[in-house]
Amino acid sequence: MRPTNFVRPLYLLGIVATVLAVDGRAFACSGPGAMEAILRAERLGWILWGVTLLVAVGSTLVPRLRAAGFRKQWPLLLLLVLHPGWWMSARSGDCGRTLLAGSVLVAALTPLVAGVLFWRSGRAARAA
């Protein structure tokens, strides 16, 4: 296969993936009730960040994870730092839909990451 024949399908695949990834709907946030929706999204983002903080700190205090060392718990710190609840604004024009979606995603990932770290620390303890 010639290089140009190989690059063309990859280029087309990239275009198709971009078109599929971009949602065609545009969300506007204006009119009556817009400010309440924005404030509700910001409040829920902060609440979900607090839940993520409690889960992350609580899981680092579990003796099995503490024995593994704090350096192995960097994914929990990364989730806290990347959580959109404390750094993203809901005033960007979509009434906080992006903020809510990101906050729910990270808040749902945090217990899963803590569980994986807990499982891995047990495997490491059994191997030693």
N, C-alpha and C. Protein backbone atom coordinates (compact mmCIF):
# COMPACT_ATOMS: atom_id res chain seq x y z
N MET A 1 0.85 -1.17 0.00
CA MET A 1 0.00 0.00 0.00
C MET A 1 0.90 1.24 0.00
N ARG A 2 0.62 2.16 -0.88
CA ARG A 2 1.39 3.39 -0.95
C ARG A 2 1.08 4.26 0.25
N PRO A 3 2.03 5.11 0.68
CA PRO A 3 1.80 5.95 1.85
C PRO A 3 0.58 6.85 1.71
N THR A 4 0.34 7.38 0.51
CA THR A 4 -0.82 8.26 0.34
C THR A 4 -2.12 7.48 0.49
N ASN A 5 -2.13 6.23 0.06
CA ASN A 5 -3.33 5.42 0.22
C ASN A 5 -3.57 5.05 1.69
N PHE A 6 -2.50 5.00 2.48
CA PHE A 6 -2.63 4.67 3.89
C PHE A 6 -3.09 5.88 4.71
N VAL A 7 -2.62 7.07 4.34
CA VAL A 7 -2.94 8.28 5.10
C VAL A 7 -4.38 8.72 4.86
N ARG A 8 -4.88 8.55 3.67
CA ARG A 8 -6.22 9.02 3.34
C ARG A 8 -7.30 8.39 4.23
N PRO A 9 -7.32 7.07 4.45
CA PRO A 9 -8.35 6.52 5.35
C PRO A 9 -8.21 7.03 6.78
N LEU A 10 -6.97 7.22 7.25
CA LEU A 10 -6.79 7.76 8.60
C LEU A 10 -7.30 9.18 8.69
N TYR A 11 -7.09 9.96 7.65
CA TYR A 11 -7.57 11.33 7.62
C TYR A 11 -9.10 11.35 7.64
N LEU A 12 -9.71 10.50 6.82
CA LEU A 12 -11.17 10.43 6.80
C LEU A 12 -11.73 9.91 8.12
N LEU A 13 -11.04 8.96 8.73
CA LEU A 13 -11.46 8.46 10.04
C LEU A 13 -11.41 9.57 11.08
N GLY A 14 -10.39 10.41 11.02
CA GLY A 14 -10.29 11.54 11.94
C GLY A 14 -11.43 12.53 11.74
N ILE A 15 -11.79 12.79 10.49
CA ILE A 15 -12.90 13.70 10.21
C ILE A 15 -14.21 13.12 10.73
N VAL A 16 -14.45 11.84 10.48
CA VAL A 16 -15.68 11.20 10.94
C VAL A 16 -15.74 11.21 12.47
N ALA A 17 -14.62 10.92 13.13
CA ALA A 17 -14.60 10.92 14.60
C ALA A 17 -14.87 12.31 15.14
N THR A 18 -14.34 13.34 14.49
CA THR A 18 -14.57 14.71 14.94
C THR A 18 -16.04 15.09 14.77
N VAL A 19 -16.62 14.73 13.65
CA VAL A 19 -18.03 15.05 13.41
C VAL A 19 -18.93 14.33 14.41
N LEU A 20 -18.60 13.07 14.71
CA LEU A 20 -19.41 12.32 15.67
C LEU A 20 -19.22 12.82 17.09
N ALA A 21 -18.04 13.33 17.41
CA ALA A 21 -17.76 13.79 18.77
C ALA A 21 -18.41 15.13 19.06
N VAL A 22 -18.59 15.94 18.05
CA VAL A 22 -19.17 17.26 18.26
C VAL A 22 -20.69 17.14 18.20
N ASP A 23 -21.32 17.56 19.26
CA ASP A 23 -22.77 17.49 19.31
C ASP A 23 -23.34 18.64 18.50
N GLY A 24 -24.29 18.36 17.67
CA GLY A 24 -24.86 19.37 16.80
C GLY A 24 -25.79 20.35 17.49
N ARG A 25 -26.25 20.01 18.68
CA ARG A 25 -27.16 20.90 19.38
C ARG A 25 -26.39 21.99 20.11
N ALA A 26 -26.93 23.17 20.08
CA ALA A 26 -26.34 24.28 20.82
C ALA A 26 -27.27 24.64 21.97
N PHE A 27 -26.71 24.74 23.14
CA PHE A 27 -27.50 25.10 24.31
C PHE A 27 -27.27 26.56 24.61
N ALA A 28 -28.33 27.29 24.72
CA ALA A 28 -28.24 28.70 25.08
C ALA A 28 -28.86 28.87 26.46
N CYS A 29 -28.34 29.82 27.17
CA CYS A 29 -28.83 30.06 28.52
C CYS A 29 -29.23 31.52 28.63
N SER A 30 -30.49 31.77 28.42
CA SER A 30 -30.99 33.14 28.55
C SER A 30 -32.47 33.06 28.87
N GLY A 31 -32.99 34.18 29.26
CA GLY A 31 -34.41 34.24 29.54
C GLY A 31 -34.72 34.01 31.01
N PRO A 32 -36.01 33.91 31.30
CA PRO A 32 -36.39 33.71 32.70
C PRO A 32 -35.92 32.35 33.22
N GLY A 33 -35.41 32.35 34.41
CA GLY A 33 -34.94 31.12 35.02
C GLY A 33 -33.50 30.78 34.70
N ALA A 34 -32.84 31.57 33.87
CA ALA A 34 -31.46 31.26 33.50
C ALA A 34 -30.52 31.41 34.69
N MET A 35 -30.68 32.48 35.44
CA MET A 35 -29.79 32.71 36.57
C MET A 35 -29.97 31.64 37.65
N GLU A 36 -31.21 31.21 37.86
CA GLU A 36 -31.45 30.15 38.84
C GLU A 36 -30.79 28.85 38.40
N ALA A 37 -30.85 28.56 37.10
CA ALA A 37 -30.22 27.34 36.58
C ALA A 37 -28.71 27.41 36.74
N ILE A 38 -28.14 28.58 36.49
CA ILE A 38 -26.70 28.76 36.64
C ILE A 38 -26.29 28.57 38.10
N LEU A 39 -27.01 29.21 39.00
CA LEU A 39 -26.68 29.10 40.42
C LEU A 39 -26.86 27.67 40.93
N ARG A 40 -27.89 26.99 40.45
CA ARG A 40 -28.13 25.60 40.84
C ARG A 40 -26.98 24.71 40.35
N ALA A 41 -26.52 24.94 39.13
CA ALA A 41 -25.41 24.15 38.59
C ALA A 41 -24.13 24.40 39.38
N GLU A 42 -23.87 25.67 39.71
CA GLU A 42 -22.66 25.97 40.48
C GLU A 42 -22.73 25.35 41.87
N ARG A 43 -23.89 25.42 42.51
CA ARG A 43 -24.05 24.85 43.84
C ARG A 43 -23.87 23.33 43.80
N LEU A 44 -24.47 22.68 42.81
CA LEU A 44 -24.32 21.23 42.70
C LEU A 44 -22.88 20.84 42.37
N GLY A 45 -22.20 21.66 41.58
CA GLY A 45 -20.78 21.41 41.30
C GLY A 45 -19.95 21.44 42.57
N TRP A 46 -20.21 22.44 43.42
CA TRP A 46 -19.48 22.53 44.70
C TRP A 46 -19.82 21.35 45.60
N ILE A 47 -21.08 20.95 45.63
CA ILE A 47 -21.48 19.81 46.47
C ILE A 47 -20.80 18.54 45.99
N LEU A 48 -20.77 18.32 44.69
CA LEU A 48 -20.13 17.11 44.16
C LEU A 48 -18.62 17.15 44.38
N TRP A 49 -18.02 18.34 44.35
CA TRP A 49 -16.60 18.45 44.67
C TRP A 49 -16.37 18.08 46.13
N GLY A 50 -17.26 18.51 47.01
CA GLY A 50 -17.16 18.15 48.42
C GLY A 50 -17.29 16.66 48.65
N VAL A 51 -18.21 16.03 47.92
CA VAL A 51 -18.36 14.57 48.02
C VAL A 51 -17.09 13.88 47.53
N THR A 52 -16.54 14.37 46.43
CA THR A 52 -15.30 13.81 45.91
C THR A 52 -14.17 13.98 46.92
N LEU A 53 -14.11 15.15 47.55
CA LEU A 53 -13.09 15.40 48.57
C LEU A 53 -13.24 14.43 49.74
N LEU A 54 -14.47 14.24 50.21
CA LEU A 54 -14.70 13.31 51.32
C LEU A 54 -14.31 11.88 50.96
N VAL A 55 -14.66 11.45 49.76
CA VAL A 55 -14.32 10.08 49.34
C VAL A 55 -12.81 9.93 49.21
N ALA A 56 -12.15 10.92 48.61
CA ALA A 56 -10.70 10.84 48.42
C ALA A 56 -9.96 10.86 49.75
N VAL A 57 -10.32 11.79 50.62
CA VAL A 57 -9.65 11.88 51.93
C VAL A 57 -9.98 10.65 52.77
N GLY A 58 -11.24 10.24 52.74
CA GLY A 58 -11.63 9.05 53.50
C GLY A 58 -10.91 7.80 53.05
N SER A 59 -10.71 7.67 51.75
CA SER A 59 -10.02 6.47 51.26
C SER A 59 -8.53 6.52 51.55
N THR A 60 -7.95 7.71 51.64
CA THR A 60 -6.53 7.78 51.99
C THR A 60 -6.30 7.45 53.46
N LEU A 61 -7.33 7.54 54.27
CA LEU A 61 -7.20 7.22 55.70
C LEU A 61 -7.41 5.74 56.00
N VAL A 62 -7.80 4.97 55.01
CA VAL A 62 -7.96 3.53 55.20
C VAL A 62 -6.57 2.94 55.45
N PRO A 63 -6.40 2.17 56.52
CA PRO A 63 -5.06 1.66 56.85
C PRO A 63 -4.39 0.89 55.72
N ARG A 64 -5.16 0.14 54.96
CA ARG A 64 -4.57 -0.64 53.87
C ARG A 64 -3.97 0.26 52.80
N LEU A 65 -4.63 1.38 52.51
CA LEU A 65 -4.09 2.32 51.52
C LEU A 65 -2.96 3.15 52.11
N ARG A 66 -3.04 3.48 53.40
CA ARG A 66 -1.96 4.23 54.03
C ARG A 66 -0.68 3.43 54.05
N ALA A 67 -0.79 2.10 54.21
CA ALA A 67 0.39 1.25 54.22
C ALA A 67 1.08 1.24 52.85
N ALA A 68 0.31 1.45 51.80
CA ALA A 68 0.90 1.48 50.45
C ALA A 68 1.69 2.76 50.21
N GLY A 69 1.45 3.79 51.02
CA GLY A 69 2.17 5.04 50.88
C GLY A 69 1.35 6.07 50.12
N PHE A 70 1.61 7.32 50.43
CA PHE A 70 0.84 8.40 49.81
C PHE A 70 1.22 8.63 48.35
N ARG A 71 2.40 8.21 47.95
CA ARG A 71 2.80 8.41 46.56
C ARG A 71 1.98 7.55 45.60
N LYS A 72 1.46 6.45 46.10
CA LYS A 72 0.65 5.58 45.25
C LYS A 72 -0.79 6.08 45.13
N GLN A 73 -1.13 7.12 45.87
CA GLN A 73 -2.50 7.63 45.87
C GLN A 73 -2.65 8.88 45.02
N TRP A 74 -1.70 9.15 44.14
CA TRP A 74 -1.76 10.35 43.31
C TRP A 74 -2.99 10.40 42.40
N PRO A 75 -3.58 9.27 41.96
CA PRO A 75 -4.79 9.42 41.14
C PRO A 75 -5.94 10.11 41.87
N LEU A 76 -6.04 9.90 43.17
CA LEU A 76 -7.10 10.57 43.93
C LEU A 76 -6.87 12.07 43.98
N LEU A 77 -5.62 12.47 44.17
CA LEU A 77 -5.29 13.90 44.16
C LEU A 77 -5.55 14.50 42.78
N LEU A 78 -5.22 13.75 41.74
CA LEU A 78 -5.47 14.22 40.38
C LEU A 78 -6.96 14.44 40.13
N LEU A 79 -7.79 13.53 40.61
CA LEU A 79 -9.24 13.70 40.45
C LEU A 79 -9.74 14.93 41.20
N LEU A 80 -9.18 15.20 42.37
CA LEU A 80 -9.58 16.39 43.12
C LEU A 80 -9.19 17.66 42.38
N VAL A 81 -8.00 17.66 41.81
CA VAL A 81 -7.53 18.86 41.11
C VAL A 81 -8.29 19.07 39.81
N LEU A 82 -8.61 17.99 39.11
CA LEU A 82 -9.29 18.12 37.82
C LEU A 82 -10.81 18.26 37.94
N HIS A 83 -11.34 18.12 39.14
CA HIS A 83 -12.80 18.18 39.32
C HIS A 83 -13.32 19.55 38.89
N PRO A 84 -14.26 19.60 37.95
CA PRO A 84 -14.74 20.89 37.46
C PRO A 84 -15.61 21.65 38.46
N GLY A 85 -15.98 21.03 39.55
CA GLY A 85 -16.82 21.70 40.52
C GLY A 85 -16.18 22.90 41.18
N TRP A 86 -14.85 22.93 41.23
CA TRP A 86 -14.21 24.06 41.90
C TRP A 86 -13.50 25.01 40.95
N TRP A 87 -13.32 24.65 39.69
CA TRP A 87 -12.62 25.57 38.80
C TRP A 87 -13.44 26.01 37.58
N MET A 88 -14.50 25.29 37.24
CA MET A 88 -15.26 25.63 36.03
C MET A 88 -16.45 26.52 36.38
N SER A 89 -16.71 27.47 35.52
CA SER A 89 -17.83 28.37 35.72
C SER A 89 -19.06 27.85 34.97
N ALA A 90 -20.22 28.12 35.52
CA ALA A 90 -21.47 27.73 34.85
C ALA A 90 -22.01 28.87 34.00
N ARG A 91 -21.29 29.95 33.92
CA ARG A 91 -21.77 31.15 33.23
C ARG A 91 -21.23 31.25 31.80
N SER A 92 -20.89 30.14 31.20
CA SER A 92 -20.30 30.16 29.86
C SER A 92 -21.34 30.06 28.75
N GLY A 93 -22.61 30.00 29.10
CA GLY A 93 -23.64 30.01 28.08
C GLY A 93 -24.48 28.76 27.98
N ASP A 94 -24.12 27.71 28.71
CA ASP A 94 -24.91 26.48 28.63
C ASP A 94 -25.64 26.17 29.93
N CYS A 95 -25.81 27.16 30.78
CA CYS A 95 -26.51 27.01 32.07
C CYS A 95 -25.85 25.98 32.98
N GLY A 96 -24.57 25.73 32.78
CA GLY A 96 -23.85 24.82 33.66
C GLY A 96 -23.97 23.35 33.30
N ARG A 97 -24.45 23.04 32.10
CA ARG A 97 -24.59 21.63 31.73
C ARG A 97 -23.23 20.94 31.67
N THR A 98 -22.22 21.62 31.14
CA THR A 98 -20.88 21.04 31.08
C THR A 98 -20.32 20.86 32.48
N LEU A 99 -20.54 21.84 33.34
CA LEU A 99 -20.09 21.75 34.73
C LEU A 99 -20.73 20.55 35.43
N LEU A 100 -22.02 20.39 35.26
CA LEU A 100 -22.72 19.27 35.89
C LEU A 100 -22.26 17.92 35.34
N ALA A 101 -22.13 17.83 34.04
CA ALA A 101 -21.71 16.56 33.44
C ALA A 101 -20.31 16.17 33.91
N GLY A 102 -19.39 17.13 33.91
CA GLY A 102 -18.04 16.85 34.37
C GLY A 102 -17.98 16.52 35.85
N SER A 103 -18.77 17.24 36.65
CA SER A 103 -18.78 16.98 38.09
C SER A 103 -19.33 15.60 38.41
N VAL A 104 -20.39 15.22 37.74
CA VAL A 104 -20.96 13.89 37.96
C VAL A 104 -19.98 12.81 37.52
N LEU A 105 -19.31 13.02 36.39
CA LEU A 105 -18.35 12.04 35.90
C LEU A 105 -17.21 11.84 36.88
N VAL A 106 -16.61 12.93 37.33
CA VAL A 106 -15.47 12.82 38.25
C VAL A 106 -15.92 12.28 39.60
N ALA A 107 -17.08 12.70 40.08
CA ALA A 107 -17.58 12.19 41.35
C ALA A 107 -17.88 10.69 41.27
N ALA A 108 -18.28 10.21 40.10
CA ALA A 108 -18.52 8.78 39.93
C ALA A 108 -17.22 8.00 39.77
N LEU A 109 -16.20 8.62 39.19
CA LEU A 109 -14.92 7.95 39.00
C LEU A 109 -14.13 7.82 40.29
N THR A 110 -14.31 8.74 41.22
CA THR A 110 -13.49 8.75 42.43
C THR A 110 -13.63 7.47 43.26
N PRO A 111 -14.84 6.98 43.56
CA PRO A 111 -14.91 5.71 44.31
C PRO A 111 -14.35 4.53 43.52
N LEU A 112 -14.49 4.58 42.19
CA LEU A 112 -13.92 3.50 41.38
C LEU A 112 -12.40 3.50 41.46
N VAL A 113 -11.80 4.68 41.38
CA VAL A 113 -10.34 4.79 41.49
C VAL A 113 -9.89 4.36 42.88
N ALA A 114 -10.61 4.79 43.91
CA ALA A 114 -10.27 4.38 45.27
C ALA A 114 -10.36 2.87 45.42
N GLY A 115 -11.38 2.27 44.82
CA GLY A 115 -11.51 0.81 44.87
C GLY A 115 -10.37 0.10 44.17
N VAL A 116 -9.96 0.61 43.02
CA VAL A 116 -8.83 0.02 42.30
C VAL A 116 -7.56 0.14 43.12
N LEU A 117 -7.33 1.30 43.73
CA LEU A 117 -6.15 1.48 44.58
C LEU A 117 -6.18 0.53 45.78
N PHE A 118 -7.36 0.36 46.36
CA PHE A 118 -7.52 -0.57 47.48
C PHE A 118 -7.20 -1.99 47.05
N TRP A 119 -7.71 -2.38 45.89
CA TRP A 119 -7.47 -3.72 45.36
C TRP A 119 -5.99 -3.94 45.06
N ARG A 120 -5.36 -2.93 44.43
CA ARG A 120 -3.95 -3.06 44.08
C ARG A 120 -3.06 -3.10 45.32
N SER A 121 -3.44 -2.36 46.36
CA SER A 121 -2.63 -2.39 47.58
C SER A 121 -2.71 -3.76 48.24
N GLY A 122 -3.84 -4.43 48.14
CA GLY A 122 -3.97 -5.78 48.68
C GLY A 122 -3.15 -6.79 47.90
N ARG A 123 -3.12 -6.63 46.59
CA ARG A 123 -2.31 -7.52 45.75
C ARG A 123 -0.84 -7.34 46.04
N ALA A 124 -0.42 -6.08 46.25
CA ALA A 124 0.99 -5.81 46.54
C ALA A 124 1.37 -6.38 47.90
N ALA A 125 0.45 -6.32 48.87
CA ALA A 125 0.74 -6.85 50.19
C ALA A 125 0.84 -8.38 50.16
N ARG A 126 0.01 -9.02 49.35
CA ARG A 126 0.07 -10.47 49.25
C ARG A 126 1.32 -10.93 48.51
N ALA A 127 1.79 -10.13 47.57
CA ALA A 127 2.97 -10.50 46.78
C ALA A 127 4.25 -10.36 47.61
N ALA A 128 4.22 -9.49 48.60
CA ALA A 128 5.44 -9.25 49.39
C ALA A 128 5.67 -10.29 50.45
